[in-house]
Amino acid sequence: MALAAQASEKDSTSTKSKPWGYKLSGFVSPQLFLDSRQVVSGREDMMLFYPKPIERDANGNDINASGNLNMLAISTRLALSLYGPDVFGANTSAYIEGDFTGATDASINLLRLRHGYIDMKWRSTELLMGQFWHPMVIHEVMPGTRPLNMGAPFHPYARFVQARLSQRIGPMELLGVAAFQLDNKSAGPDGGATKYLKSSNIPELNFQLRYCGQRLFLGAAYHLLVIKPRLSATDSLGAVFKTDATVPSHSLTVFGKYEFPHFSLRSQVVWGNNLSSISMMGGYVESPFDETTKTYSYQPFGCTTAWVDFGKSTGRWRYGLFAGYGVNNDFGKAIEEGSAVYGRGFEIEKLWRVQPRVSFHPNPKFGFFFEVEYTNATYGVKELTFNTYRYQTDHSVGNTRFILQAVYNF
């Protein structure tokens, strides 16, 4: 049972204002999972992206054709909801949520901030300030899967610090977001870092138009990401030059859901560039240093993904199916030899996943979950032509993950 407390207070005119209070909630969630081969992943393999390619040893055996078995409870979660008197005519609340997955693999089992924001709601306007879902993650249209990846890399998955302003006009809603990186970072010459975004002096910008019906929810969004990978460049003689080259990347998404009495249908399509910071494929290519212009040039690469999720409840049983498909929009593009590639999945042509699930709930606070997640990746092999190279389709490889999880909510 959630722990809650309330108190009333008086304002300067001795009339009662709205009460303040808090509620503590969360869940404990041990999870056992088994993979049929080695995978590209994070957080002790709990955050699965796709299977690793075939890698032959001296005898021709596939080194990555070996399974993994693990059990973790790091997704266990604590949350604190706060609410209090109105401010400037707006209902106010705050929310703090943490788990133990860590900000990096090195900090697993340490409590980290998932969400931490202040929310101000007027009659038709809302302002959210703090750490929340990245705006390409439409929290009203999330897959019903339980594993940590939540449908990634087909479905965006990340939380950013942001200012989010929305305006309702009847069933329509306009939304604008300015977001800043922290745990989820862009890739670059110095690894994953927030400095590439900060150096551009432009936050990630997102604009959405939504229809919010009683059962039907539809929307579309445009997203802009501008990063500056380097502040300086060094020529062959060791001279250092300031550089202002940036990587602007544009993305679009459409999304929707329909809620039946005991059945739900949700879907999202994403077309975008340089989306590795939100757990998808994408990044950018850095051409070799140009001795004439004394700088680097950049070209983003991206993906198109689509996913659909069906969910149904029948008494104590719940069933569902997630299916995702993704393609590398720039697979096979020729790039100059010596170029550096930053991001995820440049050597992958396409991905697909099928993930059925079933769960049993003895009571509303306790549940057992079982999922089978099959992910298939088509990899390319590098082909050299004079001073350029490109990837050509080589082989497909699949991984089957079996997941057994128990969840105790409080």
Protein backbone atom coordinates (compact mmCIF):
# COMPACT_ATOMS: atom_id res chain seq x y z
CA MET A 1 0.00 0.00 0.00
CA ALA A 2 1.29 3.46 -0.87
CA LEU A 3 2.32 5.63 2.05
CA ALA A 4 0.63 9.05 1.99
CA ALA A 5 0.31 12.10 4.20
CA GLN A 6 -1.64 15.30 4.00
CA ALA A 7 -1.80 18.57 5.89
CA SER A 8 -3.78 21.76 5.49
CA GLU A 9 -2.47 25.27 5.78
CA LYS A 10 -3.86 28.82 5.81
CA ASP A 11 -2.93 31.64 3.49
CA SER A 12 -2.44 35.29 4.45
CA THR A 13 -6.19 35.95 4.35
CA SER A 14 -6.86 33.10 6.84
CA THR A 15 -8.82 31.06 4.26
CA LYS A 16 -7.93 27.45 3.59
CA SER A 17 -5.72 26.77 0.56
CA LYS A 18 -5.31 23.44 -1.18
CA PRO A 19 -3.64 20.74 0.94
CA TRP A 20 -0.09 19.61 0.47
CA GLY A 21 0.92 15.99 0.65
CA TYR A 22 3.06 13.16 -0.64
CA LYS A 23 2.80 9.55 -1.76
CA LEU A 24 5.55 6.95 -1.78
CA SER A 25 5.29 4.15 -4.33
CA GLY A 26 7.37 1.81 -6.48
CA PHE A 27 8.00 -1.86 -7.11
CA VAL A 28 10.49 -4.68 -6.60
CA SER A 29 11.30 -6.52 -9.82
CA PRO A 30 13.70 -9.49 -10.09
CA GLN A 31 14.20 -10.64 -13.68
CA LEU A 32 15.79 -13.79 -15.14
CA PHE A 33 16.78 -13.81 -18.83
CA LEU A 34 18.50 -16.23 -21.21
CA ASP A 35 19.96 -15.32 -24.64
CA SER A 36 20.71 -17.81 -27.40
CA ARG A 37 23.84 -15.83 -28.52
CA GLN A 38 26.01 -12.84 -27.64
CA VAL A 39 24.23 -9.48 -27.94
CA VAL A 40 24.89 -5.75 -28.28
CA SER A 41 23.53 -4.41 -25.03
CA GLY A 42 24.03 -2.40 -21.86
CA ARG A 43 23.50 -2.72 -18.10
CA GLU A 44 24.86 -6.25 -17.78
CA ASP A 45 22.98 -7.22 -20.99
CA MET A 46 19.60 -6.25 -19.48
CA MET A 47 19.26 -3.41 -22.03
CA LEU A 48 19.24 -5.49 -25.23
CA PHE A 49 19.54 -3.90 -28.69
CA TYR A 50 20.31 -6.68 -31.20
CA PRO A 51 22.47 -9.80 -31.67
CA LYS A 52 26.17 -9.53 -32.43
CA PRO A 53 27.34 -10.46 -35.96
CA ILE A 54 29.00 -13.71 -36.90
CA GLU A 55 32.67 -13.70 -35.89
CA ARG A 56 34.71 -16.68 -37.07
CA ASP A 57 37.65 -18.21 -35.21
CA ALA A 58 40.59 -19.95 -36.89
CA ASN A 59 38.47 -23.10 -37.36
CA GLY A 60 35.49 -21.24 -38.81
CA ASN A 61 33.38 -21.45 -35.65
CA ASP A 62 31.14 -18.52 -34.75
CA ILE A 63 32.54 -17.06 -31.54
CA ASN A 64 29.30 -15.17 -30.82
CA ALA A 65 27.12 -18.30 -31.12
CA SER A 66 27.14 -18.73 -27.35
CA GLY A 67 24.33 -18.00 -24.94
CA ASN A 68 24.05 -15.83 -21.83
CA LEU A 69 22.12 -16.46 -18.61
CA ASN A 70 21.68 -13.76 -15.98
CA MET A 71 19.38 -12.60 -13.21
CA LEU A 72 19.11 -8.99 -11.98
CA ALA A 73 16.87 -6.84 -9.80
CA ILE A 74 18.32 -3.44 -10.76
CA SER A 75 15.04 -2.19 -12.29
CA THR A 76 13.53 -2.10 -8.78
CA ARG A 77 12.04 1.38 -8.44
CA LEU A 78 11.20 4.03 -5.83
CA ALA A 79 8.93 7.03 -6.51
CA LEU A 80 7.79 10.04 -4.53
CA SER A 81 4.80 12.15 -5.64
CA LEU A 82 4.37 15.61 -4.13
CA TYR A 83 1.47 18.03 -4.42
CA GLY A 84 0.58 21.33 -2.83
CA PRO A 85 -1.17 24.72 -3.10
CA ASP A 86 -1.74 26.49 -6.41
CA VAL A 87 0.92 28.83 -7.79
CA PHE A 88 -0.09 31.62 -10.22
CA GLY A 89 -3.45 29.89 -10.59
CA ALA A 90 -1.90 26.54 -11.58
CA ASN A 91 -2.24 23.18 -9.85
CA THR A 92 1.27 22.22 -8.76
CA SER A 93 2.93 18.87 -8.25
CA ALA A 94 6.39 17.34 -8.29
CA TYR A 95 7.64 13.85 -8.95
CA ILE A 96 10.90 12.06 -8.09
CA GLU A 97 11.65 8.54 -9.32
CA GLY A 98 14.77 6.42 -9.15
CA ASP A 99 15.95 2.90 -9.81
CA PHE A 100 19.21 0.97 -9.51
CA THR A 101 20.24 0.53 -13.15
CA GLY A 102 22.86 3.24 -12.79
CA ALA A 103 23.75 6.08 -15.13
CA THR A 104 26.44 3.85 -16.70
CA ASP A 105 27.41 0.18 -16.51
CA ALA A 106 30.03 1.15 -13.93
CA SER A 107 27.36 2.46 -11.54
CA ILE A 108 24.92 -0.47 -11.65
CA ASN A 109 23.19 -1.12 -8.29
CA LEU A 110 23.51 2.56 -7.32
CA LEU A 111 20.35 4.64 -7.02
CA ARG A 112 20.01 6.98 -10.01
CA LEU A 113 17.43 9.59 -11.01
CA ARG A 114 14.93 8.43 -13.64
CA HIS A 115 12.44 11.28 -13.37
CA GLY A 116 12.57 14.49 -11.37
CA TYR A 117 10.28 17.33 -12.39
CA ILE A 118 7.88 20.09 -11.35
CA ASP A 119 4.50 20.20 -13.11
CA MET A 120 2.22 23.24 -13.31
CA LYS A 121 -1.27 22.75 -14.78
CA TRP A 122 -3.72 25.49 -15.69
CA ARG A 123 -7.12 24.91 -17.29
CA SER A 124 -5.67 24.31 -20.78
CA THR A 125 -1.94 24.97 -20.37
CA GLU A 126 0.76 22.83 -18.77
CA LEU A 127 4.42 23.54 -17.99
CA LEU A 128 6.75 20.71 -16.99
CA MET A 129 10.33 21.46 -15.88
CA GLY A 130 12.92 18.82 -15.01
CA GLN A 131 13.95 15.32 -16.05
CA PHE A 132 11.30 13.39 -17.98
CA TRP A 133 10.91 11.19 -21.05
CA HIS A 134 12.67 12.47 -24.16
CA PRO A 135 10.02 14.10 -26.40
CA MET A 136 10.46 11.42 -29.09
CA VAL A 137 9.33 8.94 -26.41
CA ILE A 138 5.56 9.46 -26.45
CA HIS A 139 4.72 8.31 -22.93
CA GLU A 140 1.02 8.02 -23.81
CA VAL A 141 1.95 5.53 -26.56
CA MET A 142 4.43 3.13 -24.95
CA PRO A 143 4.82 -0.58 -25.74
CA GLY A 144 3.38 -2.92 -23.12
CA THR A 145 6.64 -4.90 -22.84
CA ARG A 146 8.33 -5.29 -19.44
CA PRO A 147 12.09 -5.67 -20.25
CA LEU A 148 14.38 -2.68 -19.74
CA ASN A 149 14.74 -1.85 -23.46
CA MET A 150 10.99 -1.05 -23.83
CA GLY A 151 11.11 -1.89 -27.56
CA ALA A 152 14.46 -0.20 -28.32
CA PRO A 153 16.04 0.22 -30.86
CA PHE A 154 12.71 0.34 -32.71
CA HIS A 155 11.11 2.49 -30.02
CA PRO A 156 12.97 5.55 -28.66
CA TYR A 157 14.03 5.18 -25.04
CA ALA A 158 15.68 7.95 -23.00
CA ARG A 159 15.02 10.59 -20.36
CA PHE A 160 16.30 14.18 -20.75
CA VAL A 161 16.25 17.32 -18.62
CA GLN A 162 13.79 19.68 -20.30
CA ALA A 163 11.23 22.45 -20.30
CA ARG A 164 7.95 21.23 -21.84
CA LEU A 165 5.03 23.56 -22.60
CA SER A 166 1.69 22.27 -23.89
CA GLN A 167 -1.52 24.05 -24.87
CA ARG A 168 -4.91 22.33 -25.26
CA ILE A 169 -7.46 23.69 -27.72
CA GLY A 170 -10.48 21.42 -27.47
CA PRO A 171 -9.30 17.88 -28.32
CA MET A 172 -6.15 19.26 -29.98
CA GLU A 173 -2.87 19.83 -28.18
CA LEU A 174 0.23 21.79 -29.20
CA LEU A 175 3.48 20.90 -27.47
CA GLY A 176 7.00 22.37 -27.53
CA VAL A 177 10.09 21.00 -25.76
CA ALA A 178 13.64 22.21 -25.21
CA ALA A 179 15.74 19.28 -23.92
CA PHE A 180 19.28 18.79 -22.60
CA GLN A 181 21.38 15.62 -22.40
CA LEU A 182 22.72 13.99 -19.24
CA ASP A 183 22.59 10.19 -18.81
CA ASN A 184 21.88 9.64 -22.52
CA LYS A 185 24.58 11.32 -24.61
CA SER A 186 25.54 11.81 -28.24
CA ALA A 187 28.54 9.86 -29.52
CA GLY A 188 31.68 11.64 -30.65
CA PRO A 189 35.48 11.80 -30.83
CA ASP A 190 35.75 11.62 -27.02
CA GLY A 191 33.11 8.94 -26.58
CA GLY A 192 29.61 9.60 -25.31
CA ALA A 193 29.48 13.12 -23.85
CA THR A 194 27.07 15.98 -23.21
CA LYS A 195 29.62 18.56 -24.37
CA TYR A 196 28.80 18.07 -28.07
CA LEU A 197 25.27 19.37 -27.51
CA LYS A 198 26.30 22.04 -25.01
CA SER A 199 28.96 23.41 -27.36
CA SER A 200 26.35 24.00 -30.08
CA ASN A 201 24.44 26.38 -27.76
CA ILE A 202 21.19 24.89 -29.08
CA PRO A 203 19.08 22.49 -26.97
CA GLU A 204 17.28 19.61 -28.61
CA LEU A 205 14.02 21.08 -29.92
CA ASN A 206 10.77 19.18 -30.44
CA PHE A 207 7.36 20.35 -31.66
CA GLN A 208 4.22 18.19 -31.61
CA LEU A 209 0.61 18.32 -32.71
CA ARG A 210 -1.76 15.85 -31.03
CA TYR A 211 -5.39 14.79 -31.11
CA CYS A 212 -6.55 13.61 -27.67
CA GLY A 213 -9.89 11.81 -27.97
CA GLN A 214 -11.62 9.66 -25.39
CA ARG A 215 -10.34 6.42 -26.94
CA LEU A 216 -8.25 7.63 -29.90
CA PHE A 217 -4.90 9.39 -29.51
CA LEU A 218 -2.95 10.54 -32.59
CA GLY A 219 -0.01 12.86 -33.20
CA ALA A 220 3.05 13.89 -35.15
CA ALA A 221 6.33 15.54 -34.13
CA TYR A 222 9.42 17.19 -35.59
CA HIS A 223 12.75 17.03 -33.76
CA LEU A 224 15.99 19.01 -34.23
CA LEU A 225 19.38 17.99 -32.80
CA VAL A 226 22.49 20.12 -33.40
CA ILE A 227 25.86 19.05 -31.98
CA LYS A 228 29.43 20.38 -32.32
CA PRO A 229 31.81 17.38 -32.12
CA ARG A 230 35.02 19.43 -31.92
CA LEU A 231 36.12 22.87 -30.77
CA SER A 232 39.51 22.61 -32.47
CA ALA A 233 41.40 20.62 -35.09
CA THR A 234 45.09 19.84 -35.52
CA ASP A 235 46.79 19.73 -38.93
CA SER A 236 49.65 17.51 -40.04
CA LEU A 237 52.24 20.01 -38.76
CA GLY A 238 50.73 20.08 -35.28
CA ALA A 239 49.14 23.52 -35.61
CA VAL A 240 45.79 23.89 -33.80
CA PHE A 241 42.83 25.66 -35.41
CA LYS A 242 39.45 26.60 -33.99
CA THR A 243 36.55 24.86 -35.72
CA ASP A 244 32.82 25.65 -35.65
CA ALA A 245 31.53 22.75 -37.77
CA THR A 246 28.23 21.34 -36.46
CA VAL A 247 26.05 18.32 -37.22
CA PRO A 248 22.38 19.32 -37.62
CA SER A 249 20.02 16.33 -37.64
CA HIS A 250 16.29 16.30 -38.36
CA SER A 251 13.76 13.65 -37.30
CA LEU A 252 10.02 13.04 -37.69
CA THR A 253 7.60 10.71 -35.95
CA VAL A 254 3.92 9.84 -36.13
CA PHE A 255 2.18 7.90 -33.38
CA GLY A 256 -1.19 6.74 -32.16
CA LYS A 257 -3.21 4.39 -29.98
CA TYR A 258 -6.78 3.16 -29.62
CA GLU A 259 -8.10 1.86 -26.32
CA PHE A 260 -10.86 -0.74 -26.40
CA PRO A 261 -12.52 -1.90 -23.12
CA HIS A 262 -10.16 -4.88 -22.75
CA PHE A 263 -7.83 -4.39 -25.70
CA SER A 264 -5.29 -1.79 -26.78
CA LEU A 265 -3.50 -1.05 -30.05
CA ARG A 266 -0.46 1.25 -30.11
CA SER A 267 2.01 2.16 -32.84
CA GLN A 268 4.77 4.59 -33.80
CA VAL A 269 6.86 5.30 -36.90
CA VAL A 270 10.17 7.19 -36.63
CA TRP A 271 12.30 8.61 -39.44
CA GLY A 272 15.39 10.28 -38.09
CA ASN A 273 19.12 10.94 -38.05
CA ASN A 274 21.71 10.67 -35.29
CA LEU A 275 19.35 9.05 -32.79
CA SER A 276 21.84 6.86 -30.91
CA SER A 277 21.41 8.98 -27.76
CA ILE A 278 17.79 7.80 -27.51
CA SER A 279 18.67 4.09 -27.87
CA MET A 280 18.07 3.84 -31.62
CA MET A 281 20.29 3.31 -34.66
CA GLY A 282 21.99 6.38 -36.08
CA GLY A 283 24.92 8.72 -35.73
CA TYR A 284 27.20 10.60 -38.11
CA VAL A 285 30.29 10.21 -40.27
CA GLU A 286 33.30 12.48 -39.74
CA SER A 287 35.39 12.87 -42.92
CA PRO A 288 39.19 12.93 -42.64
CA PHE A 289 40.77 16.25 -41.67
CA ASP A 290 40.87 18.70 -44.57
CA GLU A 291 44.32 20.33 -44.71
CA THR A 292 42.97 23.12 -46.94
CA THR A 293 40.00 24.26 -44.86
CA LYS A 294 41.64 23.19 -41.57
CA THR A 295 38.48 21.50 -40.31
CA TYR A 296 36.32 18.37 -40.46
CA SER A 297 33.05 17.84 -42.31
CA TYR A 298 30.12 15.74 -41.13
CA GLN A 299 27.23 13.74 -42.55
CA PRO A 300 24.50 12.30 -40.27
CA PHE A 301 23.08 8.84 -40.86
CA GLY A 302 19.82 7.50 -39.54
CA CYS A 303 17.06 4.95 -39.62
CA THR A 304 13.39 4.40 -40.21
CA THR A 305 11.60 2.24 -37.64
CA ALA A 306 8.02 1.14 -37.10
CA TRP A 307 6.50 -0.81 -34.26
CA VAL A 308 3.06 -1.99 -33.21
CA ASP A 309 1.90 -3.34 -29.85
CA PHE A 310 -1.28 -5.29 -29.06
CA GLY A 311 -2.44 -5.82 -25.49
CA LYS A 312 -5.42 -7.69 -24.04
CA SER A 313 -6.61 -8.40 -20.50
CA THR A 314 -8.86 -11.29 -19.41
CA GLY A 315 -9.44 -11.50 -15.67
CA ARG A 316 -6.13 -12.19 -13.98
CA TRP A 317 -4.39 -12.91 -17.29
CA ARG A 318 -2.91 -10.36 -19.71
CA TYR A 319 -1.55 -11.05 -23.18
CA GLY A 320 0.35 -8.98 -25.70
CA LEU A 321 2.50 -8.89 -28.80
CA PHE A 322 5.16 -6.38 -29.83
CA ALA A 323 6.54 -6.31 -33.38
CA GLY A 324 9.17 -3.92 -34.71
CA TYR A 325 11.01 -3.32 -37.98
CA GLY A 326 13.87 -0.95 -38.77
CA VAL A 327 16.10 -0.08 -41.73
CA ASN A 328 19.35 1.86 -41.96
CA ASN A 329 18.52 4.75 -44.31
CA ASP A 330 22.18 5.16 -45.31
CA PHE A 331 23.29 1.54 -45.56
CA GLY A 332 25.62 1.04 -48.51
CA LYS A 333 26.49 4.73 -48.87
CA ALA A 334 30.09 5.25 -49.99
CA ILE A 335 32.27 7.17 -47.53
CA GLU A 336 35.90 8.20 -47.71
CA GLU A 337 38.42 5.75 -46.31
CA GLY A 338 39.81 7.07 -43.04
CA SER A 339 36.47 8.56 -41.99
CA ALA A 340 35.33 8.05 -38.40
CA VAL A 341 31.82 6.77 -37.64
CA TYR A 342 30.12 7.72 -34.36
CA GLY A 343 26.83 6.20 -33.27
CA ARG A 344 25.09 2.85 -33.47
CA GLY A 345 24.28 0.40 -36.26
CA PHE A 346 26.10 1.88 -39.28
CA GLU A 347 27.06 -1.65 -40.43
CA ILE A 348 23.48 -2.96 -40.06
CA GLU A 349 21.11 -2.99 -43.03
CA LYS A 350 17.88 -3.87 -41.21
CA LEU A 351 16.43 -5.19 -37.96
CA TRP A 352 13.20 -6.87 -36.95
CA ARG A 353 11.72 -8.20 -33.71
CA VAL A 354 8.74 -10.27 -32.59
CA GLN A 355 7.97 -10.36 -28.86
CA PRO A 356 4.92 -12.17 -27.44
CA ARG A 357 4.12 -11.87 -23.72
CA VAL A 358 1.80 -13.24 -21.08
CA SER A 359 1.38 -12.33 -17.42
CA PHE A 360 -0.61 -13.58 -14.45
CA HIS A 361 -1.77 -11.29 -11.62
CA PRO A 362 -2.90 -13.04 -8.41
CA ASN A 363 -3.84 -9.59 -7.10
CA PRO A 364 -3.53 -6.02 -8.46
CA LYS A 365 -0.17 -5.48 -6.74
CA PHE A 366 1.60 -8.70 -7.73
CA GLY A 367 2.37 -10.21 -11.12
CA PHE A 368 4.40 -12.86 -12.95
CA PHE A 369 5.55 -12.02 -16.48
CA PHE A 370 6.92 -14.22 -19.27
CA GLU A 371 8.17 -12.90 -22.63
CA VAL A 372 10.01 -14.32 -25.63
CA GLU A 373 11.97 -11.70 -27.57
CA TYR A 374 13.36 -12.71 -30.98
CA THR A 375 15.53 -10.07 -32.69
CA ASN A 376 17.09 -10.50 -36.13
CA ALA A 377 19.82 -8.26 -37.61
CA THR A 378 21.18 -8.18 -41.18
CA TYR A 379 24.84 -7.15 -41.17
CA GLY A 380 26.99 -5.83 -43.99
CA VAL A 381 30.63 -6.47 -44.86
CA LYS A 382 32.99 -3.64 -45.76
CA GLU A 383 33.82 -3.36 -49.47
CA LEU A 384 36.78 -1.17 -50.52
CA THR A 385 36.82 0.70 -53.85
CA PHE A 386 39.87 2.91 -54.40
CA ASN A 387 39.75 5.47 -51.53
CA THR A 388 36.15 4.82 -50.44
CA TYR A 389 34.29 1.98 -48.80
CA ARG A 390 30.71 0.90 -48.37
CA TYR A 391 28.87 -1.92 -46.61
CA GLN A 392 27.26 -4.67 -48.68
CA THR A 393 24.70 -7.17 -47.35
CA ASP A 394 26.52 -10.16 -45.87
CA HIS A 395 24.53 -12.21 -43.35
CA SER A 396 21.56 -12.22 -40.98
CA VAL A 397 21.70 -13.47 -37.43
CA GLY A 398 19.05 -13.85 -34.75
CA ASN A 399 18.86 -13.99 -30.97
CA THR A 400 16.08 -15.43 -28.85
CA ARG A 401 15.73 -14.07 -25.34
CA PHE A 402 13.53 -15.78 -22.75
CA ILE A 403 12.46 -13.47 -19.90
CA LEU A 404 10.83 -14.42 -16.59
CA GLN A 405 10.00 -11.59 -14.21
CA ALA A 406 8.11 -11.04 -10.96
CA VAL A 407 6.83 -7.61 -9.93
CA TYR A 408 5.65 -6.58 -6.46
CA ASN A 409 4.07 -3.11 -6.54
CA PHE A 410 3.60 -0.93 -3.48
